[in-house]
């Protein structure tokens, strides 16, 4: 009985902490090579939103969703948000990204998988919250 109660308390604590990690809002990263912008809406552990990724100083590759189009879907799993981004640049291409909320409030983006057609997605960057 005590073991069951301990397991329940541990699960509840981990679950409530996970759902308290709200990453809703606009997140951005930019340098001289790539601009990444994602707009996330979180409802409990589920994520939706859209993206805009521009690669190259001249905007050589542009992969941006229309403002009202949802190109991001995902969920929270073991403290990491895993999202799929449907490309507007390479039709029918989906990239998988892990997002981790850092202690300082920034968001760590790690590219998990991507098709070669959209190889300009950054492998790892730190996103800052804009709104």
N, C-alpha and C. Protein backbone atom coordinates (compact mmCIF):
# COMPACT_ATOMS: atom_id res chain seq x y z
N UNK A 1 0.82 -1.20 0.00
CA UNK A 1 0.00 0.00 0.00
C UNK A 1 0.86 1.26 0.00
N UNK A 2 1.89 1.29 0.85
CA UNK A 2 2.77 2.46 0.92
C UNK A 2 3.50 2.64 -0.40
N UNK A 3 3.89 1.53 -1.02
CA UNK A 3 4.59 1.61 -2.31
C UNK A 3 3.67 2.20 -3.39
N UNK A 4 2.41 1.78 -3.41
CA UNK A 4 1.44 2.30 -4.37
C UNK A 4 1.23 3.80 -4.16
N UNK A 5 1.13 4.21 -2.91
CA UNK A 5 0.95 5.62 -2.60
C UNK A 5 2.18 6.42 -3.03
N UNK A 6 3.37 5.90 -2.80
CA UNK A 6 4.61 6.57 -3.20
C UNK A 6 4.66 6.71 -4.72
N UNK A 7 4.29 5.65 -5.43
CA UNK A 7 4.30 5.71 -6.90
C UNK A 7 3.29 6.74 -7.41
N UNK A 8 2.10 6.79 -6.79
CA UNK A 8 1.09 7.75 -7.20
C UNK A 8 1.58 9.18 -6.98
N UNK A 9 2.17 9.45 -5.82
CA UNK A 9 2.67 10.80 -5.51
C UNK A 9 3.78 11.18 -6.49
N UNK A 10 4.67 10.27 -6.79
CA UNK A 10 5.76 10.54 -7.74
C UNK A 10 5.19 10.85 -9.12
N UNK A 11 4.25 10.03 -9.59
CA UNK A 11 3.64 10.25 -10.90
C UNK A 11 2.91 11.59 -10.94
N UNK A 12 2.14 11.89 -9.90
CA UNK A 12 1.40 13.14 -9.84
C UNK A 12 2.34 14.35 -9.86
N UNK A 13 3.41 14.27 -9.09
CA UNK A 13 4.38 15.37 -9.03
C UNK A 13 5.03 15.58 -10.39
N UNK A 14 5.46 14.51 -11.04
CA UNK A 14 6.09 14.63 -12.36
C UNK A 14 5.10 15.15 -13.38
N UNK A 15 3.87 14.66 -13.34
CA UNK A 15 2.85 15.09 -14.30
C UNK A 15 2.51 16.55 -14.12
N UNK A 16 2.30 16.99 -12.90
CA UNK A 16 1.93 18.39 -12.67
C UNK A 16 3.09 19.32 -13.02
N UNK A 17 4.33 18.90 -12.79
CA UNK A 17 5.49 19.70 -13.17
C UNK A 17 5.57 19.81 -14.69
N UNK A 18 5.33 18.70 -15.37
CA UNK A 18 5.42 18.70 -16.84
C UNK A 18 4.39 19.64 -17.43
N UNK A 19 3.14 19.58 -16.93
CA UNK A 19 2.11 20.45 -17.48
C UNK A 19 2.30 21.90 -17.08
N UNK A 20 3.11 22.18 -16.06
CA UNK A 20 3.36 23.56 -15.67
C UNK A 20 4.38 24.22 -16.59
N UNK A 21 5.02 23.45 -17.44
CA UNK A 21 5.98 23.99 -18.39
C UNK A 21 5.22 24.52 -19.61
N UNK A 22 4.63 25.67 -19.50
CA UNK A 22 3.87 26.22 -20.62
C UNK A 22 4.81 26.98 -21.54
N UNK A 23 4.91 26.52 -22.78
CA UNK A 23 5.80 27.18 -23.74
C UNK A 23 5.02 27.95 -24.81
N UNK A 24 3.77 28.28 -24.51
CA UNK A 24 2.97 29.06 -25.45
C UNK A 24 3.64 30.40 -25.73
N UNK A 25 3.55 30.83 -26.98
CA UNK A 25 4.09 32.13 -27.36
C UNK A 25 4.98 32.06 -28.58
N UNK A 26 5.59 33.20 -28.89
CA UNK A 26 6.49 33.32 -30.04
C UNK A 26 7.92 33.14 -29.56
N UNK A 27 8.67 32.28 -30.23
CA UNK A 27 10.06 31.98 -29.90
C UNK A 27 10.92 32.24 -31.13
N UNK A 28 12.13 32.81 -30.90
CA UNK A 28 12.98 33.22 -32.01
C UNK A 28 14.44 32.92 -31.77
N UNK A 29 15.13 32.62 -32.87
CA UNK A 29 16.59 32.53 -32.91
C UNK A 29 17.02 33.15 -34.23
N UNK A 30 18.09 33.92 -34.18
CA UNK A 30 18.63 34.43 -35.45
C UNK A 30 20.13 34.65 -35.34
N UNK A 31 20.80 34.34 -36.44
CA UNK A 31 22.22 34.67 -36.59
C UNK A 31 22.43 35.04 -38.06
N UNK A 32 23.67 35.09 -38.50
CA UNK A 32 23.92 35.54 -39.88
C UNK A 32 23.51 34.51 -40.93
N UNK A 33 23.22 33.28 -40.51
CA UNK A 33 22.90 32.22 -41.47
C UNK A 33 21.44 31.80 -41.49
N UNK A 34 20.79 31.85 -40.33
CA UNK A 34 19.43 31.33 -40.26
C UNK A 34 18.59 32.11 -39.24
N UNK A 35 17.33 32.31 -39.59
CA UNK A 35 16.34 32.89 -38.69
C UNK A 35 15.28 31.82 -38.45
N UNK A 36 15.00 31.54 -37.19
CA UNK A 36 13.98 30.56 -36.81
C UNK A 36 12.95 31.27 -35.96
N UNK A 37 11.69 31.10 -36.32
CA UNK A 37 10.60 31.67 -35.54
C UNK A 37 9.49 30.63 -35.46
N UNK A 38 9.09 30.30 -34.24
CA UNK A 38 7.97 29.38 -34.06
C UNK A 38 6.96 30.03 -33.12
N UNK A 39 5.70 29.86 -33.45
CA UNK A 39 4.61 30.37 -32.64
C UNK A 39 3.86 29.15 -32.11
N UNK A 40 3.88 28.97 -30.79
CA UNK A 40 3.35 27.76 -30.16
C UNK A 40 2.12 28.09 -29.31
N UNK A 41 1.11 27.25 -29.42
CA UNK A 41 -0.02 27.27 -28.50
C UNK A 41 -0.03 25.92 -27.80
N UNK A 42 -0.02 25.96 -26.47
CA UNK A 42 -0.02 24.74 -25.68
C UNK A 42 -1.33 24.59 -24.94
N UNK A 43 -1.92 23.43 -25.07
CA UNK A 43 -3.12 23.09 -24.31
C UNK A 43 -2.82 21.80 -23.58
N UNK A 44 -2.60 21.93 -22.27
CA UNK A 44 -2.11 20.83 -21.44
C UNK A 44 -0.79 20.35 -22.04
N UNK A 45 -0.69 19.13 -22.46
CA UNK A 45 0.58 18.63 -23.01
C UNK A 45 0.65 18.65 -24.51
N UNK A 46 -0.38 19.17 -25.20
CA UNK A 46 -0.41 19.18 -26.66
C UNK A 46 -0.01 20.54 -27.22
N UNK A 47 0.70 20.50 -28.34
CA UNK A 47 1.19 21.73 -28.97
C UNK A 47 0.68 21.85 -30.40
N UNK A 48 0.35 23.08 -30.78
CA UNK A 48 0.05 23.41 -32.16
C UNK A 48 0.70 24.75 -32.45
N UNK A 49 0.79 25.11 -33.72
CA UNK A 49 1.36 26.41 -34.05
C UNK A 49 1.84 26.47 -35.48
N UNK A 50 2.66 27.48 -35.75
CA UNK A 50 3.24 27.63 -37.08
C UNK A 50 4.69 28.08 -36.98
N UNK A 51 5.35 28.11 -38.12
CA UNK A 51 6.80 28.35 -38.14
C UNK A 51 7.20 29.23 -39.31
N UNK A 52 8.40 29.79 -39.19
CA UNK A 52 9.04 30.47 -40.30
C UNK A 52 10.55 30.30 -40.13
N UNK A 53 11.18 29.67 -41.12
CA UNK A 53 12.63 29.46 -41.09
C UNK A 53 13.20 29.99 -42.39
N UNK A 54 14.13 30.93 -42.26
CA UNK A 54 14.78 31.54 -43.42
C UNK A 54 16.26 31.26 -43.31
N UNK A 55 16.82 30.66 -44.36
CA UNK A 55 18.24 30.30 -44.36
C UNK A 55 18.98 31.10 -45.42
N UNK A 56 20.16 31.59 -45.07
CA UNK A 56 21.01 32.32 -46.00
C UNK A 56 20.83 33.82 -45.86
N UNK A 57 21.93 34.52 -46.03
CA UNK A 57 21.92 35.98 -45.90
C UNK A 57 20.96 36.63 -46.89
N UNK A 58 20.79 36.01 -48.02
CA UNK A 58 19.89 36.53 -49.05
C UNK A 58 18.51 35.87 -49.01
N UNK A 59 18.27 35.07 -47.98
CA UNK A 59 17.00 34.35 -47.91
C UNK A 59 16.93 33.26 -48.96
N UNK A 60 18.03 32.51 -49.10
CA UNK A 60 18.14 31.48 -50.13
C UNK A 60 17.03 30.43 -50.03
N UNK A 61 16.68 30.03 -48.82
CA UNK A 61 15.61 29.07 -48.59
C UNK A 61 14.64 29.68 -47.59
N UNK A 62 13.37 29.70 -47.95
CA UNK A 62 12.35 30.25 -47.07
C UNK A 62 11.28 29.17 -46.86
N UNK A 63 11.05 28.82 -45.61
CA UNK A 63 10.04 27.84 -45.25
C UNK A 63 9.16 28.47 -44.18
N UNK A 64 8.09 29.12 -44.62
CA UNK A 64 7.21 29.85 -43.70
C UNK A 64 5.76 29.48 -43.95
N UNK A 65 5.03 29.30 -42.86
CA UNK A 65 3.60 29.04 -42.93
C UNK A 65 2.85 30.35 -43.03
N UNK A 66 1.65 30.29 -43.60
CA UNK A 66 0.76 31.44 -43.55
C UNK A 66 0.38 31.67 -42.09
N UNK A 67 0.05 32.91 -41.75
CA UNK A 67 -0.24 33.25 -40.35
C UNK A 67 -1.28 32.36 -39.69
N UNK A 68 -2.33 32.00 -40.41
CA UNK A 68 -3.42 31.22 -39.81
C UNK A 68 -3.29 29.73 -40.06
N UNK A 69 -2.20 29.30 -40.66
CA UNK A 69 -2.02 27.89 -40.97
C UNK A 69 -1.23 27.19 -39.86
N UNK A 70 -1.72 26.05 -39.43
CA UNK A 70 -1.03 25.28 -38.40
C UNK A 70 -0.09 24.28 -39.07
N UNK A 71 1.21 24.45 -38.82
CA UNK A 71 2.21 23.55 -39.39
C UNK A 71 2.99 22.82 -38.31
N UNK A 72 2.65 23.10 -37.05
CA UNK A 72 3.33 22.46 -35.92
C UNK A 72 2.31 21.65 -35.12
N UNK A 73 2.70 20.42 -34.82
CA UNK A 73 1.90 19.60 -33.91
C UNK A 73 2.87 18.84 -33.02
N UNK A 74 2.46 18.58 -31.80
CA UNK A 74 3.37 17.85 -30.93
C UNK A 74 2.79 17.64 -29.55
N UNK A 75 3.64 17.07 -28.69
CA UNK A 75 3.20 16.74 -27.34
C UNK A 75 4.40 16.70 -26.40
N UNK A 76 4.08 16.74 -25.13
CA UNK A 76 5.08 16.65 -24.07
C UNK A 76 5.28 15.18 -23.71
N UNK A 77 6.54 14.75 -23.66
CA UNK A 77 6.85 13.38 -23.28
C UNK A 77 8.11 13.37 -22.44
N UNK A 78 7.99 12.98 -21.18
CA UNK A 78 9.11 12.86 -20.26
C UNK A 78 9.91 14.17 -20.15
N UNK A 79 9.21 15.29 -20.06
CA UNK A 79 9.85 16.58 -19.86
C UNK A 79 10.39 17.23 -21.12
N UNK A 80 10.21 16.59 -22.27
CA UNK A 80 10.68 17.14 -23.55
C UNK A 80 9.48 17.26 -24.48
N UNK A 81 9.36 18.41 -25.12
CA UNK A 81 8.32 18.61 -26.11
C UNK A 81 8.85 18.11 -27.44
N UNK A 82 8.12 17.21 -28.08
CA UNK A 82 8.50 16.72 -29.40
C UNK A 82 7.47 17.26 -30.38
N UNK A 83 7.97 18.01 -31.38
CA UNK A 83 7.07 18.59 -32.37
C UNK A 83 7.42 18.09 -33.77
N UNK A 84 6.42 18.09 -34.61
CA UNK A 84 6.59 17.84 -36.03
C UNK A 84 6.28 19.13 -36.75
N UNK A 85 7.17 19.52 -37.65
CA UNK A 85 6.96 20.73 -38.45
C UNK A 85 6.73 20.31 -39.89
N UNK A 86 5.56 20.64 -40.41
CA UNK A 86 5.22 20.35 -41.80
C UNK A 86 5.79 21.48 -42.65
N UNK A 87 6.68 21.12 -43.54
CA UNK A 87 7.36 22.11 -44.37
C UNK A 87 6.43 22.72 -45.41
N UNK A 88 6.58 24.00 -45.62
CA UNK A 88 5.91 24.68 -46.72
C UNK A 88 6.86 24.78 -47.92
N UNK A 89 8.13 24.56 -47.69
CA UNK A 89 9.16 24.62 -48.73
C UNK A 89 9.21 23.31 -49.51
N UNK A 90 9.31 22.21 -48.80
CA UNK A 90 9.36 20.88 -49.42
C UNK A 90 8.05 20.17 -49.11
N UNK A 91 7.19 20.11 -50.09
CA UNK A 91 5.84 19.57 -49.91
C UNK A 91 5.90 18.15 -49.37
N UNK A 92 5.02 17.86 -48.43
CA UNK A 92 4.92 16.54 -47.78
C UNK A 92 6.15 16.16 -46.96
N UNK A 93 6.95 17.13 -46.58
CA UNK A 93 8.11 16.87 -45.72
C UNK A 93 7.79 17.30 -44.30
N UNK A 94 8.18 16.46 -43.36
CA UNK A 94 7.96 16.76 -41.94
C UNK A 94 9.28 16.58 -41.21
N UNK A 95 9.64 17.55 -40.39
CA UNK A 95 10.84 17.45 -39.56
C UNK A 95 10.42 17.27 -38.12
N UNK A 96 11.19 16.47 -37.40
CA UNK A 96 10.92 16.21 -35.99
C UNK A 96 11.94 16.98 -35.16
N UNK A 97 11.43 17.75 -34.18
CA UNK A 97 12.26 18.61 -33.34
C UNK A 97 11.94 18.32 -31.87
N UNK A 98 12.96 18.27 -31.04
CA UNK A 98 12.76 18.22 -29.59
C UNK A 98 12.97 19.62 -29.04
N UNK A 99 12.07 20.05 -28.18
CA UNK A 99 12.16 21.35 -27.51
C UNK A 99 12.24 21.09 -26.01
N UNK A 100 13.21 21.72 -25.37
CA UNK A 100 13.37 21.55 -23.92
C UNK A 100 13.43 22.92 -23.27
N UNK A 101 12.56 23.14 -22.30
CA UNK A 101 12.55 24.40 -21.56
C UNK A 101 13.72 24.40 -20.58
N UNK A 102 14.60 25.38 -20.72
CA UNK A 102 15.79 25.47 -19.88
C UNK A 102 15.47 26.24 -18.59
N UNK A 103 16.27 26.05 -17.56
CA UNK A 103 16.02 26.74 -16.28
C UNK A 103 15.95 28.27 -16.40
N UNK A 104 16.67 28.86 -17.38
CA UNK A 104 16.65 30.32 -17.53
C UNK A 104 15.47 30.82 -18.36
N UNK A 105 14.58 29.89 -18.80
CA UNK A 105 13.41 30.30 -19.56
C UNK A 105 13.57 30.23 -21.06
N UNK A 106 14.78 29.96 -21.55
CA UNK A 106 15.00 29.79 -22.98
C UNK A 106 14.52 28.41 -23.40
N UNK A 107 14.44 28.20 -24.71
CA UNK A 107 13.96 26.93 -25.25
C UNK A 107 15.05 26.34 -26.15
N UNK A 108 15.48 25.13 -25.82
CA UNK A 108 16.52 24.46 -26.61
C UNK A 108 15.86 23.66 -27.73
N UNK A 109 16.25 23.94 -28.96
CA UNK A 109 15.75 23.27 -30.17
C UNK A 109 16.80 22.26 -30.59
N UNK A 110 16.40 20.99 -30.73
CA UNK A 110 17.30 19.96 -31.24
C UNK A 110 16.61 19.23 -32.38
N UNK A 111 17.23 19.27 -33.55
CA UNK A 111 16.70 18.58 -34.73
C UNK A 111 16.90 17.08 -34.55
N UNK A 112 15.81 16.33 -34.60
CA UNK A 112 15.86 14.88 -34.45
C UNK A 112 15.92 14.21 -35.82
N UNK A 113 15.05 14.63 -36.74
CA UNK A 113 15.06 14.07 -38.09
C UNK A 113 14.48 15.07 -39.07
N UNK A 114 14.97 14.97 -40.30
CA UNK A 114 14.55 15.87 -41.35
C UNK A 114 14.88 15.23 -42.68
N UNK A 115 14.08 15.52 -43.68
CA UNK A 115 14.40 15.02 -45.02
C UNK A 115 15.50 15.87 -45.63
N UNK A 116 16.23 15.31 -46.55
CA UNK A 116 17.35 16.05 -47.15
C UNK A 116 16.91 17.31 -47.88
N UNK A 117 15.64 17.36 -48.30
CA UNK A 117 15.13 18.55 -49.00
C UNK A 117 15.10 19.78 -48.10
N UNK A 118 15.06 19.58 -46.79
CA UNK A 118 15.03 20.72 -45.87
C UNK A 118 16.19 20.61 -44.88
N UNK A 119 17.36 20.36 -45.41
CA UNK A 119 18.55 20.19 -44.58
C UNK A 119 19.05 21.51 -43.99
N UNK A 120 18.40 22.61 -44.31
CA UNK A 120 18.83 23.91 -43.78
C UNK A 120 18.25 24.19 -42.40
N UNK A 121 17.42 23.31 -41.86
CA UNK A 121 16.96 23.48 -40.48
C UNK A 121 18.16 23.34 -39.56
N UNK A 122 18.30 24.21 -38.58
CA UNK A 122 19.47 24.11 -37.69
C UNK A 122 19.40 22.86 -36.81
N UNK A 123 20.57 22.31 -36.51
CA UNK A 123 20.65 21.10 -35.69
C UNK A 123 20.34 21.41 -34.22
N UNK A 124 20.94 22.46 -33.69
CA UNK A 124 20.70 22.82 -32.28
C UNK A 124 20.87 24.32 -32.14
N UNK A 125 19.83 24.96 -31.58
CA UNK A 125 19.87 26.40 -31.30
C UNK A 125 19.10 26.67 -30.01
N UNK A 126 19.29 27.84 -29.47
CA UNK A 126 18.57 28.29 -28.27
C UNK A 126 17.60 29.39 -28.71
N UNK A 127 16.31 29.13 -28.49
CA UNK A 127 15.28 30.10 -28.85
C UNK A 127 14.97 30.98 -27.64
N UNK A 128 14.73 32.25 -27.92
CA UNK A 128 14.34 33.23 -26.90
C UNK A 128 12.86 33.55 -27.08
N UNK A 129 12.16 33.72 -25.97
CA UNK A 129 10.74 34.05 -26.04
C UNK A 129 10.57 35.51 -26.39
N UNK A 130 9.72 35.76 -27.40
CA UNK A 130 9.44 37.12 -27.86
C UNK A 130 8.16 37.63 -27.19
N UNK A 131 7.11 36.79 -27.17
CA UNK A 131 5.84 37.18 -26.53
C UNK A 131 5.32 36.05 -25.69
